[in-house]
Amino acid sequence: MNRVSKAVMCQLLIVLMAWTPFNLAQAGMIGTDQVVASAAQADRAAVLGFVSRADVAGQLQSFGIDAATAKDRVAAMTDQELRYIAGRIGSMPAGANHTGLVAVIIIVLIFWWYTTKA
């Protein structure tokens, strides 16, 4: 490397260092309510994603439950119910038989429907 290229390289590095923002990350405290809300939202998204799958929607159709109705019922579930179902979905091995989980979802949905109807 000759003297001119070293000088150009040094000048380029100085300019880039001056343009580089030093405040890329900010640390701060987050409240428990924010963590709980994000966890509940993630559980809701996991269950809605599961209900939206073609094989699950077909199974729900065979039980007489429309996919849109199932999504509405999932939207109305409590955080505790969603956490339980999302945990069950996450613990199932890939390619496993989903009949038990679908049965749990249907039982929860029927229970929810019965309690809100009364």
PDB file of N, CA and C in Angstrom:
ATOM      1  N   MET A   1       0.834  -1.167   0.000  1.00  0.00           N
ATOM      2  CA  MET A   1       0.000   0.000   0.000  1.00  0.00           C
ATOM      3  C   MET A   1       0.888   1.242   0.000  1.00  0.00           C
ATOM      4  N   ASN A   2       0.638   2.115  -0.949  1.00  0.00           N
ATOM      5  CA  ASN A   2       1.491   3.294  -0.999  1.00  0.00           C
ATOM      6  C   ASN A   2       0.954   4.397  -0.088  1.00  0.00           C
ATOM      7  N   ARG A   3       1.687   5.457  -0.038  1.00  0.00           N
ATOM      8  CA  ARG A   3       1.389   6.549   0.898  1.00  0.00           C
ATOM      9  C   ARG A   3       0.060   7.240   0.588  1.00  0.00           C
ATOM     10  N   VAL A   4      -0.259   7.424  -0.669  1.00  0.00           N
ATOM     11  CA  VAL A   4      -1.508   8.089  -1.071  1.00  0.00           C
ATOM     12  C   VAL A   4      -2.715   7.230  -0.700  1.00  0.00           C
ATOM     13  N   SER A   5      -2.641   5.935  -0.948  1.00  0.00           N
ATOM     14  CA  SER A   5      -3.778   5.069  -0.616  1.00  0.00           C
ATOM     15  C   SER A   5      -3.982   4.973   0.898  1.00  0.00           C
ATOM     16  N   LYS A   6      -2.890   5.024   1.654  1.00  0.00           N
ATOM     17  CA  LYS A   6      -3.031   5.029   3.115  1.00  0.00           C
ATOM     18  C   LYS A   6      -3.713   6.306   3.586  1.00  0.00           C
ATOM     19  N   ALA A   7      -3.366   7.414   3.004  1.00  0.00           N
ATOM     20  CA  ALA A   7      -3.975   8.691   3.369  1.00  0.00           C
ATOM     21  C   ALA A   7      -5.455   8.715   3.008  1.00  0.00           C
ATOM     22  N   VAL A   8      -5.801   8.212   1.833  1.00  0.00           N
ATOM     23  CA  VAL A   8      -7.204   8.154   1.411  1.00  0.00           C
ATOM     24  C   VAL A   8      -7.984   7.221   2.329  1.00  0.00           C
ATOM     25  N   MET A   9      -7.400   6.106   2.669  1.00  0.00           N
ATOM     26  CA  MET A   9      -8.064   5.146   3.561  1.00  0.00           C
ATOM     27  C   MET A   9      -8.296   5.754   4.935  1.00  0.00           C
ATOM     28  N   CYS A  10      -7.313   6.462   5.451  1.00  0.00           N
ATOM     29  CA  CYS A  10      -7.467   7.113   6.759  1.00  0.00           C
ATOM     30  C   CYS A  10      -8.542   8.185   6.718  1.00  0.00           C
ATOM     31  N   GLN A  11      -8.565   8.982   5.662  1.00  0.00           N
ATOM     32  CA  GLN A  11      -9.589  10.025   5.531  1.00  0.00           C
ATOM     33  C   GLN A  11     -10.975   9.406   5.414  1.00  0.00           C
ATOM     34  N   LEU A  12     -11.085   8.338   4.652  1.00  0.00           N
ATOM     35  CA  LEU A  12     -12.373   7.650   4.511  1.00  0.00           C
ATOM     36  C   LEU A  12     -12.842   7.093   5.855  1.00  0.00           C
ATOM     37  N   LEU A  13     -11.937   6.501   6.608  1.00  0.00           N
ATOM     38  CA  LEU A  13     -12.304   5.962   7.925  1.00  0.00           C
ATOM     39  C   LEU A  13     -12.708   7.073   8.884  1.00  0.00           C
ATOM     40  N   ILE A  14     -12.052   8.216   8.826  1.00  0.00           N
ATOM     41  CA  ILE A  14     -12.417   9.341   9.693  1.00  0.00           C
ATOM     42  C   ILE A  14     -13.805   9.842   9.346  1.00  0.00           C
ATOM     43  N   VAL A  15     -14.113   9.963   8.068  1.00  0.00           N
ATOM     44  CA  VAL A  15     -15.443  10.419   7.641  1.00  0.00           C
ATOM     45  C   VAL A  15     -16.513   9.416   8.052  1.00  0.00           C
ATOM     46  N   LEU A  16     -16.249   8.146   7.850  1.00  0.00           N
ATOM     47  CA  LEU A  16     -17.230   7.127   8.225  1.00  0.00           C
ATOM     48  C   LEU A  16     -17.458   7.078   9.732  1.00  0.00           C
ATOM     49  N   MET A  17     -16.391   7.268  10.496  1.00  0.00           N
ATOM     50  CA  MET A  17     -16.550   7.299  11.955  1.00  0.00           C
ATOM     51  C   MET A  17     -17.394   8.491  12.390  1.00  0.00           C
ATOM     52  N   ALA A  18     -17.240   9.618  11.709  1.00  0.00           N
ATOM     53  CA  ALA A  18     -18.022  10.808  12.057  1.00  0.00           C
ATOM     54  C   ALA A  18     -19.497  10.612  11.696  1.00  0.00           C
ATOM     55  N   TRP A  19     -19.777   9.878  10.635  1.00  0.00           N
ATOM     56  CA  TRP A  19     -21.163   9.678  10.212  1.00  0.00           C
ATOM     57  C   TRP A  19     -21.857   8.548  10.960  1.00  0.00           C
ATOM     58  N   THR A  20     -21.103   7.690  11.570  1.00  0.00           N
ATOM     59  CA  THR A  20     -21.689   6.543  12.263  1.00  0.00           C
ATOM     60  C   THR A  20     -22.450   7.017  13.505  1.00  0.00           C
ATOM     61  N   PRO A  21     -23.719   6.680  13.573  1.00  0.00           N
ATOM     62  CA  PRO A  21     -24.463   7.073  14.782  1.00  0.00           C
ATOM     63  C   PRO A  21     -24.038   6.201  15.965  1.00  0.00           C
ATOM     64  N   PHE A  22     -23.845   6.845  17.086  1.00  0.00           N
ATOM     65  CA  PHE A  22     -23.406   6.115  18.265  1.00  0.00           C
ATOM     66  C   PHE A  22     -24.567   5.657  19.128  1.00  0.00           C
ATOM     67  N   ASN A  23     -25.767   6.144  18.878  1.00  0.00           N
ATOM     68  CA  ASN A  23     -26.933   5.790  19.687  1.00  0.00           C
ATOM     69  C   ASN A  23     -27.834   4.827  18.931  1.00  0.00           C
ATOM     70  N   LEU A  24     -27.301   3.706  18.492  1.00  0.00           N
ATOM     71  CA  LEU A  24     -28.106   2.736  17.767  1.00  0.00           C
ATOM     72  C   LEU A  24     -29.061   1.985  18.697  1.00  0.00           C
ATOM     73  N   ALA A  25     -28.605   1.662  19.860  1.00  0.00           N
ATOM     74  CA  ALA A  25     -29.429   0.889  20.791  1.00  0.00           C
ATOM     75  C   ALA A  25     -29.699   1.720  22.034  1.00  0.00           C
ATOM     76  N   GLN A  26     -30.918   1.563  22.526  1.00  0.00           N
ATOM     77  CA  GLN A  26     -31.289   2.249  23.757  1.00  0.00           C
ATOM     78  C   GLN A  26     -31.812   1.218  24.730  1.00  0.00           C
ATOM     79  N   ALA A  27     -31.317   1.295  25.917  1.00  0.00           N
ATOM     80  CA  ALA A  27     -31.780   0.388  26.959  1.00  0.00           C
ATOM     81  C   ALA A  27     -32.757   1.135  27.852  1.00  0.00           C
ATOM     82  N   GLY A  28     -33.747   0.444  28.282  1.00  0.00           N
ATOM     83  CA  GLY A  28     -34.714   1.057  29.170  1.00  0.00           C
ATOM     84  C   GLY A  28     -35.528  -0.011  29.870  1.00  0.00           C
ATOM     85  N   MET A  29     -36.238   0.407  30.857  1.00  0.00           N
ATOM     86  CA  MET A  29     -37.094  -0.500  31.605  1.00  0.00           C
ATOM     87  C   MET A  29     -38.420  -0.653  30.866  1.00  0.00           C
ATOM     88  N   ILE A  30     -38.908  -1.868  30.825  1.00  0.00           N
ATOM     89  CA  ILE A  30     -40.237  -2.096  30.282  1.00  0.00           C
ATOM     90  C   ILE A  30     -41.094  -2.649  31.399  1.00  0.00           C
ATOM     91  N   GLY A  31     -42.331  -2.274  31.372  1.00  0.00           N
ATOM     92  CA  GLY A  31     -43.239  -2.695  32.417  1.00  0.00           C
ATOM     93  C   GLY A  31     -43.733  -4.111  32.228  1.00  0.00           C
ATOM     94  N   THR A  32     -44.216  -4.677  33.298  1.00  0.00           N
ATOM     95  CA  THR A  32     -44.753  -6.033  33.252  1.00  0.00           C
ATOM     96  C   THR A  32     -45.945  -6.118  32.326  1.00  0.00           C
ATOM     97  N   ASP A  33     -46.761  -5.061  32.301  1.00  0.00           N
ATOM     98  CA  ASP A  33     -47.936  -5.083  31.436  1.00  0.00           C
ATOM     99  C   ASP A  33     -47.550  -5.161  29.961  1.00  0.00           C
ATOM    100  N   GLN A  34     -46.430  -4.558  29.579  1.00  0.00           N
ATOM    101  CA  GLN A  34     -45.969  -4.654  28.196  1.00  0.00           C
ATOM    102  C   GLN A  34     -45.507  -6.068  27.862  1.00  0.00           C
ATOM    103  N   VAL A  35     -44.831  -6.707  28.788  1.00  0.00           N
ATOM    104  CA  VAL A  35     -44.360  -8.074  28.561  1.00  0.00           C
ATOM    105  C   VAL A  35     -45.542  -9.030  28.471  1.00  0.00           C
ATOM    106  N   VAL A  36     -46.497  -8.878  29.379  1.00  0.00           N
ATOM    107  CA  VAL A  36     -47.672  -9.753  29.381  1.00  0.00           C
ATOM    108  C   VAL A  36     -48.480  -9.545  28.111  1.00  0.00           C
ATOM    109  N   ALA A  37     -48.624  -8.292  27.691  1.00  0.00           N
ATOM    110  CA  ALA A  37     -49.392  -8.012  26.475  1.00  0.00           C
ATOM    111  C   ALA A  37     -48.711  -8.616  25.255  1.00  0.00           C
ATOM    112  N   SER A  38     -47.387  -8.524  25.181  1.00  0.00           N
ATOM    113  CA  SER A  38     -46.693  -9.086  24.021  1.00  0.00           C
ATOM    114  C   SER A  38     -46.746 -10.616  24.044  1.00  0.00           C
ATOM    115  N   ALA A  39     -46.665 -11.221  25.220  1.00  0.00           N
ATOM    116  CA  ALA A  39     -46.758 -12.680  25.317  1.00  0.00           C
ATOM    117  C   ALA A  39     -48.158 -13.152  24.937  1.00  0.00           C
ATOM    118  N   ALA A  40     -49.170 -12.420  25.404  1.00  0.00           N
ATOM    119  CA  ALA A  40     -50.545 -12.791  25.060  1.00  0.00           C
ATOM    120  C   ALA A  40     -50.779 -12.633  23.565  1.00  0.00           C
ATOM    121  N   GLN A  41     -50.224 -11.594  22.980  1.00  0.00           N
ATOM    122  CA  GLN A  41     -50.373 -11.381  21.540  1.00  0.00           C
ATOM    123  C   GLN A  41     -49.674 -12.491  20.760  1.00  0.00           C
ATOM    124  N   ALA A  42     -48.520 -12.926  21.230  1.00  0.00           N
ATOM    125  CA  ALA A  42     -47.805 -14.015  20.562  1.00  0.00           C
ATOM    126  C   ALA A  42     -48.588 -15.327  20.667  1.00  0.00           C
ATOM    127  N   ASP A  43     -49.173 -15.592  21.836  1.00  0.00           N
ATOM    128  CA  ASP A  43     -49.992 -16.800  22.000  1.00  0.00           C
ATOM    129  C   ASP A  43     -51.215 -16.747  21.093  1.00  0.00           C
ATOM    130  N   ARG A  44     -51.850 -15.590  21.029  1.00  0.00           N
ATOM    131  CA  ARG A  44     -53.037 -15.435  20.172  1.00  0.00           C
ATOM    132  C   ARG A  44     -52.659 -15.659  18.707  1.00  0.00           C
ATOM    133  N   ALA A  45     -51.514 -15.123  18.292  1.00  0.00           N
ATOM    134  CA  ALA A  45     -51.064 -15.304  16.910  1.00  0.00           C
ATOM    135  C   ALA A  45     -50.746 -16.766  16.625  1.00  0.00           C
ATOM    136  N   ALA A  46     -50.163 -17.467  17.600  1.00  0.00           N
ATOM    137  CA  ALA A  46     -49.844 -18.886  17.409  1.00  0.00           C
ATOM    138  C   ALA A  46     -51.110 -19.719  17.247  1.00  0.00           C
ATOM    139  N   VAL A  47     -52.114 -19.455  18.082  1.00  0.00           N
ATOM    140  CA  VAL A  47     -53.359 -20.222  17.995  1.00  0.00           C
ATOM    141  C   VAL A  47     -54.111 -19.875  16.716  1.00  0.00           C
ATOM    142  N   LEU A  48     -54.150 -18.586  16.361  1.00  0.00           N
ATOM    143  CA  LEU A  48     -54.815 -18.200  15.114  1.00  0.00           C
ATOM    144  C   LEU A  48     -54.095 -18.798  13.909  1.00  0.00           C
ATOM    145  N   GLY A  49     -52.781 -18.836  13.945  1.00  0.00           N
ATOM    146  CA  GLY A  49     -52.036 -19.475  12.862  1.00  0.00           C
ATOM    147  C   GLY A  49     -52.334 -20.954  12.765  1.00  0.00           C
ATOM    148  N   PHE A  50     -52.500 -21.597  13.910  1.00  0.00           N
ATOM    149  CA  PHE A  50     -52.834 -23.020  13.922  1.00  0.00           C
ATOM    150  C   PHE A  50     -54.230 -23.253  13.364  1.00  0.00           C
ATOM    151  N   VAL A  51     -55.181 -22.432  13.779  1.00  0.00           N
ATOM    152  CA  VAL A  51     -56.563 -22.584  13.309  1.00  0.00           C
ATOM    153  C   VAL A  51     -56.663 -22.270  11.822  1.00  0.00           C
ATOM    154  N   SER A  52     -55.775 -21.422  11.311  1.00  0.00           N
ATOM    155  CA  SER A  52     -55.805 -21.029   9.897  1.00  0.00           C
ATOM    156  C   SER A  52     -55.218 -22.087   8.973  1.00  0.00           C
ATOM    157  N   ARG A  53     -54.519 -23.070   9.536  1.00  0.00           N
ATOM    158  CA  ARG A  53     -53.946 -24.114   8.682  1.00  0.00           C
ATOM    159  C   ARG A  53     -55.044 -24.885   7.979  1.00  0.00           C
ATOM    160  N   ALA A  54     -54.737 -25.352   6.780  1.00  0.00           N
ATOM    161  CA  ALA A  54     -55.737 -26.028   5.944  1.00  0.00           C
ATOM    162  C   ALA A  54     -56.229 -27.326   6.589  1.00  0.00           C
ATOM    163  N   ASP A  55     -55.310 -28.119   7.162  1.00  0.00           N
ATOM    164  CA  ASP A  55     -55.737 -29.392   7.747  1.00  0.00           C
ATOM    165  C   ASP A  55     -56.600 -29.182   8.986  1.00  0.00           C
ATOM    166  N   VAL A  56     -56.270 -28.179   9.788  1.00  0.00           N
ATOM    167  CA  VAL A  56     -57.077 -27.895  10.980  1.00  0.00           C
ATOM    168  C   VAL A  56     -58.426 -27.322  10.577  1.00  0.00           C
ATOM    169  N   ALA A  57     -58.421 -26.432   9.580  1.00  0.00           N
ATOM    170  CA  ALA A  57     -59.689 -25.868   9.107  1.00  0.00           C
ATOM    171  C   ALA A  57     -60.584 -26.970   8.546  1.00  0.00           C
ATOM    172  N   GLY A  58     -59.995 -27.932   7.851  1.00  0.00           N
ATOM    173  CA  GLY A  58     -60.787 -29.061   7.344  1.00  0.00           C
ATOM    174  C   GLY A  58     -61.363 -29.904   8.466  1.00  0.00           C
ATOM    175  N   GLN A  59     -60.571 -30.128   9.516  1.00  0.00           N
ATOM    176  CA  GLN A  59     -61.062 -30.899  10.663  1.00  0.00           C
ATOM    177  C   GLN A  59     -62.187 -30.143  11.365  1.00  0.00           C
ATOM    178  N   LEU A  60     -62.025 -28.826  11.514  1.00  0.00           N
ATOM    179  CA  LEU A  60     -63.088 -28.031  12.131  1.00  0.00           C
ATOM    180  C   LEU A  60     -64.351 -28.052  11.286  1.00  0.00           C
ATOM    181  N   GLN A  61     -64.181 -28.020   9.965  1.00  0.00           N
ATOM    182  CA  GLN A  61     -65.344 -28.106   9.072  1.00  0.00           C
ATOM    183  C   GLN A  61     -66.066 -29.435   9.247  1.00  0.00           C
ATOM    184  N   SER A  62     -65.309 -30.508   9.445  1.00  0.00           N
ATOM    185  CA  SER A  62     -65.952 -31.815   9.635  1.00  0.00           C
ATOM    186  C   SER A  62     -66.747 -31.864  10.934  1.00  0.00           C
ATOM    187  N   PHE A  63     -66.362 -31.019  11.909  1.00  0.00           N
ATOM    188  CA  PHE A  63     -67.113 -30.927  13.158  1.00  0.00           C
ATOM    189  C   PHE A  63     -68.235 -29.899  13.067  1.00  0.00           C
ATOM    190  N   GLY A  64     -68.349 -29.225  11.920  1.00  0.00           N
ATOM    191  CA  GLY A  64     -69.420 -28.254  11.733  1.00  0.00           C
ATOM    192  C   GLY A  64     -69.082 -26.854  12.215  1.00  0.00           C
ATOM    193  N   ILE A  65     -67.811 -26.559  12.364  1.00  0.00           N
ATOM    194  CA  ILE A  65     -67.392 -25.233  12.814  1.00  0.00           C
ATOM    195  C   ILE A  65     -66.714 -24.528  11.653  1.00  0.00           C
ATOM    196  N   ASP A  66     -67.225 -23.367  11.288  1.00  0.00           N
ATOM    197  CA  ASP A  66     -66.651 -22.575  10.220  1.00  0.00           C
ATOM    198  C   ASP A  66     -65.322 -21.983  10.680  1.00  0.00           C
ATOM    199  N   ALA A  67     -64.382 -21.817   9.756  1.00  0.00           N
ATOM    200  CA  ALA A  67     -63.060 -21.281  10.116  1.00  0.00           C
ATOM    201  C   ALA A  67     -63.168 -19.858  10.651  1.00  0.00           C
ATOM    202  N   ALA A  68     -64.043 -19.054  10.068  1.00  0.00           N
ATOM    203  CA  ALA A  68     -64.217 -17.676  10.555  1.00  0.00           C
ATOM    204  C   ALA A  68     -64.789 -17.666  11.965  1.00  0.00           C
ATOM    205  N   THR A  69     -65.702 -18.571  12.245  1.00  0.00           N
ATOM    206  CA  THR A  69     -66.268 -18.671  13.589  1.00  0.00           C
ATOM    207  C   THR A  69     -65.202 -19.098  14.587  1.00  0.00           C
ATOM    208  N   ALA A  70     -64.365 -20.035  14.191  1.00  0.00           N
ATOM    209  CA  ALA A  70     -63.287 -20.486  15.075  1.00  0.00           C
ATOM    210  C   ALA A  70     -62.320 -19.345  15.364  1.00  0.00           C
ATOM    211  N   LYS A  71     -62.014 -18.535  14.359  1.00  0.00           N
ATOM    212  CA  LYS A  71     -61.119 -17.396  14.569  1.00  0.00           C
ATOM    213  C   LYS A  71     -61.756 -16.370  15.499  1.00  0.00           C
ATOM    214  N   ASP A  72     -63.067 -16.168  15.351  1.00  0.00           N
ATOM    215  CA  ASP A  72     -63.756 -15.250  16.258  1.00  0.00           C
ATOM    216  C   ASP A  72     -63.730 -15.771  17.690  1.00  0.00           C
ATOM    217  N   ARG A  73     -63.896 -17.058  17.844  1.00  0.00           N
ATOM    218  CA  ARG A  73     -63.867 -17.644  19.191  1.00  0.00           C
ATOM    219  C   ARG A  73     -62.477 -17.576  19.802  1.00  0.00           C
ATOM    220  N   VAL A  74     -61.457 -17.763  18.985  1.00  0.00           N
ATOM    221  CA  VAL A  74     -60.083 -17.632  19.487  1.00  0.00           C
ATOM    222  C   VAL A  74     -59.834 -16.189  19.913  1.00  0.00           C
ATOM    223  N   ALA A  75     -60.354 -15.237  19.148  1.00  0.00           N
ATOM    224  CA  ALA A  75     -60.180 -13.820  19.490  1.00  0.00           C
ATOM    225  C   ALA A  75     -60.853 -13.481  20.811  1.00  0.00           C
ATOM    226  N   ALA A  76     -61.881 -14.224  21.182  1.00  0.00           N
ATOM    227  CA  ALA A  76     -62.607 -13.946  22.417  1.00  0.00           C
ATOM    228  C   ALA A  76     -62.069 -14.716  23.621  1.00  0.00           C
ATOM    229  N   MET A  77     -61.080 -15.571  23.424  1.00  0.00           N
ATOM    230  CA  MET A  77     -60.540 -16.365  24.537  1.00  0.00           C
ATOM    231  C   MET A  77     -59.732 -15.497  25.495  1.00  0.00           C
ATOM    232  N   THR A  78     -59.657 -15.953  26.730  1.00  0.00           N
ATOM    233  CA  THR A  78     -58.851 -15.251  27.727  1.00  0.00           C
ATOM    234  C   THR A  78     -57.376 -15.568  27.505  1.00  0.00           C
ATOM    235  N   ASP A  79     -56.516 -14.784  28.114  1.00  0.00           N
ATOM    236  CA  ASP A  79     -55.082 -15.002  27.981  1.00  0.00           C
ATOM    237  C   ASP A  79     -54.657 -16.348  28.549  1.00  0.00           C
ATOM    238  N   GLN A  80     -55.299 -16.763  29.616  1.00  0.00           N
ATOM    239  CA  GLN A  80     -54.958 -18.047  30.233  1.00  0.00           C
ATOM    240  C   GLN A  80     -55.309 -19.204  29.296  1.00  0.00           C
ATOM    241  N   GLU A  81     -56.472 -19.158  28.661  1.00  0.00           N
ATOM    242  CA  GLU A  81     -56.853 -20.207  27.711  1.00  0.00           C
ATOM    243  C   GLU A  81     -55.897 -20.228  26.522  1.00  0.00           C
ATOM    244  N   LEU A  82     -55.551 -19.060  26.033  1.00  0.00           N
ATOM    245  CA  LEU A  82     -54.631 -18.987  24.906  1.00  0.00           C
ATOM    246  C   LEU A  82     -53.246 -19.515  25.262  1.00  0.00           C
ATOM    247  N   ARG A  83     -52.782 -19.195  26.463  1.00  0.00           N
ATOM    248  CA  ARG A  83     -51.476 -19.668  26.907  1.00  0.00           C
ATOM    249  C   ARG A  83     -51.463 -21.193  26.973  1.00  0.00           C
ATOM    250  N   TYR A  84     -52.540 -21.789  27.471  1.00  0.00           N
ATOM    251  CA  TYR A  84     -52.630 -23.241  27.568  1.00  0.00           C
ATOM    252  C   TYR A  84     -52.609 -23.882  26.182  1.00  0.00           C
ATOM    253  N   ILE A  85     -53.441 -23.363  25.285  1.00  0.00           N
ATOM    254  CA  ILE A  85     -53.537 -23.959  23.951  1.00  0.00           C
ATOM    255  C   ILE A  85     -52.249 -23.731  23.169  1.00  0.00           C
ATOM    256  N   ALA A  86     -51.667 -22.538  23.265  1.00  0.00           N
ATOM    257  CA  ALA A  86     -50.410 -22.276  22.560  1.00  0.00           C
ATOM    258  C   ALA A  86     -49.296 -23.165  23.103  1.00  0.00           C
ATOM    259  N   GLY A  87     -49.311 -23.426  24.395  1.00  0.00           N
ATOM    260  CA  GLY A  87     -48.330 -24.339  24.974  1.00  0.00           C
ATOM    261  C   GLY A  87     -48.498 -25.749  24.458  1.00  0.00           C
ATOM    262  N   ARG A  88     -49.738 -26.156  24.307  1.00  0.00           N
ATOM    263  CA  ARG A  88     -50.007 -27.492  23.757  1.00  0.00           C
ATOM    264  C   ARG A  88     -49.550 -27.575  22.300  1.00  0.00           C
ATOM    265  N   ILE A  89     -49.798 -26.508  21.542  1.00  0.00           N
ATOM    266  CA  ILE A  89     -49.374 -26.503  20.141  1.00  0.00           C
ATOM    267  C   ILE A  89     -47.851 -26.560  20.068  1.00  0.00           C
ATOM    268  N   GLY A  90     -47.175 -25.785  20.909  1.00  0.00           N
ATOM    269  CA  GLY A  90     -45.720 -25.749  20.888  1.00  0.00           C
ATOM    270  C   GLY A  90     -45.066 -27.023  21.362  1.00  0.00           C
ATOM    271  N   SER A  91     -45.749 -27.808  22.181  1.00  0.00           N
ATOM    272  CA  SER A  91     -45.137 -29.025  22.709  1.00  0.00           C
ATOM    273  C   SER A  91     -45.376 -30.245  21.835  1.00  0.00           C
ATOM    274  N   MET A  92     -46.211 -30.114  20.829  1.00  0.00           N
ATOM    275  CA  MET A  92     -46.486 -31.260  19.967  1.00  0.00           C
ATOM    276  C   MET A  92     -45.332 -31.480  18.993  1.00  0.00           C
ATOM    277  N   PRO A  93     -44.945 -32.730  18.774  1.00  0.00           N
ATOM    278  CA  PRO A  93     -43.886 -32.988  17.799  1.00  0.00           C
ATOM    279  C   PRO A  93     -44.392 -32.744  16.378  1.00  0.00           C
ATOM    280  N   ALA A  94     -43.492 -32.425  15.479  1.00  0.00           N
ATOM    281  CA  ALA A  94     -43.866 -32.160  14.091  1.00  0.00           C
ATOM    282  C   ALA A  94     -44.408 -33.438  13.462  1.00  0.00           C
ATOM    283  N   GLY A  95     -45.476 -33.299  12.713  1.00  0.00           N
ATOM    284  CA  GLY A  95     -46.076 -34.437  12.045  1.00  0.00           C
ATOM    285  C   GLY A  95     -46.894 -35.321  12.951  1.00  0.00           C
ATOM    286  N   ALA A  96     -47.160 -34.879  14.152  1.00  0.00           N
ATOM    287  CA  ALA A  96     -47.923 -35.687  15.092  1.00  0.00           C
ATOM    288  C   ALA A  96     -49.401 -35.653  14.737  1.00  0.00           C
ATOM    289  N   ASN A  97     -50.130 -36.529  15.369  1.00  0.00           N
ATOM    290  CA  ASN A  97     -51.571 -36.567  15.182  1.00  0.00           C
ATOM    291  C   ASN A  97     -52.182 -35.398  15.937  1.00  0.00           C
ATOM    292  N   HIS A  98     -52.886 -34.539  15.242  1.00  0.00           N
ATOM    293  CA  HIS A  98     -53.441 -33.327  15.837  1.00  0.00           C
ATOM    294  C   HIS A  98     -54.864 -33.515  16.350  1.00  0.00           C
ATOM    295  N   THR A  99     -55.359 -34.731  16.334  1.00  0.00           N
ATOM    296  CA  THR A  99     -56.731 -34.961  16.742  1.00  0.00           C
ATOM    297  C   THR A  99     -56.961 -34.563  18.194  1.00  0.00           C
ATOM    298  N   GLY A 100     -56.029 -34.860  19.069  1.00  0.00           N
ATOM    299  CA  GLY A 100     -56.178 -34.508  20.480  1.00  0.00           C
ATOM    300  C   GLY A 100     -56.207 -33.009  20.688  1.00  0.00           C
ATOM    301  N   LEU A 101     -55.335 -32.291  19.999  1.00  0.00           N
ATOM    302  CA  LEU A 101     -55.305 -30.835  20.132  1.00  0.00           C
ATOM    303  C   LEU A 101     -56.558 -30.206  19.554  1.00  0.00           C
ATOM    304  N   VAL A 102     -57.002 -30.701  18.418  1.00  0.00           N
ATOM    305  CA  VAL A 102     -58.227 -30.175  17.829  1.00  0.00           C
ATOM    306  C   VAL A 102     -59.393 -30.440  18.764  1.00  0.00           C
ATOM    307  N   ALA A 103     -59.406 -31.596  19.400  1.00  0.00           N
ATOM    308  CA  ALA A 103     -60.470 -31.901  20.352  1.00  0.00           C
ATOM    309  C   ALA A 103     -60.422 -30.945  21.540  1.00  0.00           C
ATOM    310  N   VAL A 104     -59.232 -30.634  22.023  1.00  0.00           N
ATOM    311  CA  VAL A 104     -59.092 -29.685  23.133  1.00  0.00           C
ATOM    312  C   VAL A 104     -59.593 -28.311  22.710  1.00  0.00           C
ATOM    313  N   ILE A 105     -59.218 -27.885  21.513  1.00  0.00           N
ATOM    314  CA  ILE A 105     -59.680 -26.579  21.017  1.00  0.00           C
ATOM    315  C   ILE A 105     -61.194 -26.557  20.906  1.00  0.00           C
ATOM    316  N   ILE A 106     -61.763 -27.612  20.387  1.00  0.00           N
ATOM    317  CA  ILE A 106     -63.215 -27.660  20.219  1.00  0.00           C
ATOM    318  C   ILE A 106     -63.908 -27.678  21.573  1.00  0.00           C
ATOM    319  N   ILE A 107     -63.375 -28.422  22.518  1.00  0.00           N
ATOM    320  CA  ILE A 107     -63.979 -28.459  23.853  1.00  0.00           C
ATOM    321  C   ILE A 107     -63.926 -27.076  24.495  1.00  0.00           C
ATOM    322  N   VAL A 108     -62.792 -26.403  24.357  1.00  0.00           N
ATOM    323  CA  VAL A 108     -62.671 -25.054  24.915  1.00  0.00           C
ATOM    324  C   VAL A 108     -63.638 -24.105  24.223  1.00  0.00           C
ATOM    325  N   LEU A 109     -63.745 -24.220  22.905  1.00  0.00           N
ATOM    326  CA  LEU A 109     -64.667 -23.358  22.168  1.00  0.00           C
ATOM    327  C   LEU A 109     -66.120 -23.619  22.560  1.00  0.00           C
ATOM    328  N   ILE A 110     -66.481 -24.876  22.716  1.00  0.00           N
ATOM    329  CA  ILE A 110     -67.856 -25.206  23.135  1.00  0.00           C
ATOM    330  C   ILE A 110     -68.107 -24.694  24.546  1.00  0.00           C
ATOM    331  N   PHE A 111     -67.134 -24.870  25.437  1.00  0.00           N
ATOM    332  CA  PHE A 111     -67.285 -24.348  26.799  1.00  0.00           C
ATOM    333  C   PHE A 111     -67.450 -22.839  26.790  1.00  0.00           C
ATOM    334  N   TRP A 112     -66.635 -22.160  25.998  1.00  0.00           N
ATOM    335  CA  TRP A 112     -66.730 -20.709  25.889  1.00  0.00           C
ATOM    336  C   TRP A 112     -68.099 -20.306  25.343  1.00  0.00           C
ATOM    337  N   TRP A 113     -68.565 -20.993  24.309  1.00  0.00           N
ATOM    338  CA  TRP A 113     -69.864 -20.679  23.711  1.00  0.00           C
ATOM    339  C   TRP A 113     -70.985 -20.897  24.727  1.00  0.00           C
ATOM    340  N   TYR A 114     -70.901 -21.984  25.490  1.00  0.00           N
ATOM    341  CA  TYR A 114     -71.951 -22.295  26.453  1.00  0.00           C
ATOM    342  C   TYR A 114     -71.967 -21.252  27.576  1.00  0.00           C
ATOM    343  N   THR A 115     -70.794 -20.843  28.033  1.00  0.00           N
ATOM    344  CA  THR A 115     -70.768 -19.863  29.132  1.00  0.00           C
ATOM    345  C   THR A 115     -71.195 -18.477  28.701  1.00  0.00           C
ATOM    346  N   THR A 116     -70.921 -18.103  27.459  1.00  0.00           N
ATOM    347  CA  THR A 116     -71.335 -16.770  26.996  1.00  0.00           C
ATOM    348  C   THR A 116     -72.801 -16.758  26.591  1.00  0.00           C
ATOM    349  N   LYS A 117     -73.360 -17.887  26.255  1.00  0.00           N
ATOM    350  CA  LYS A 117     -74.759 -17.960  25.867  1.00  0.00           C
ATOM    351  C   LYS A 117     -75.671 -17.820  27.088  1.00  0.00           C
ATOM    352  N   ALA A 118     -75.242 -18.373  28.217  1.00  0.00           N
ATOM    353  CA  ALA A 118     -76.084 -18.377  29.413  1.00  0.00           C
ATOM    354  C   ALA A 118     -76.141 -17.049  30.094  1.00  0.00           C
TER     355      ALA A 118
END
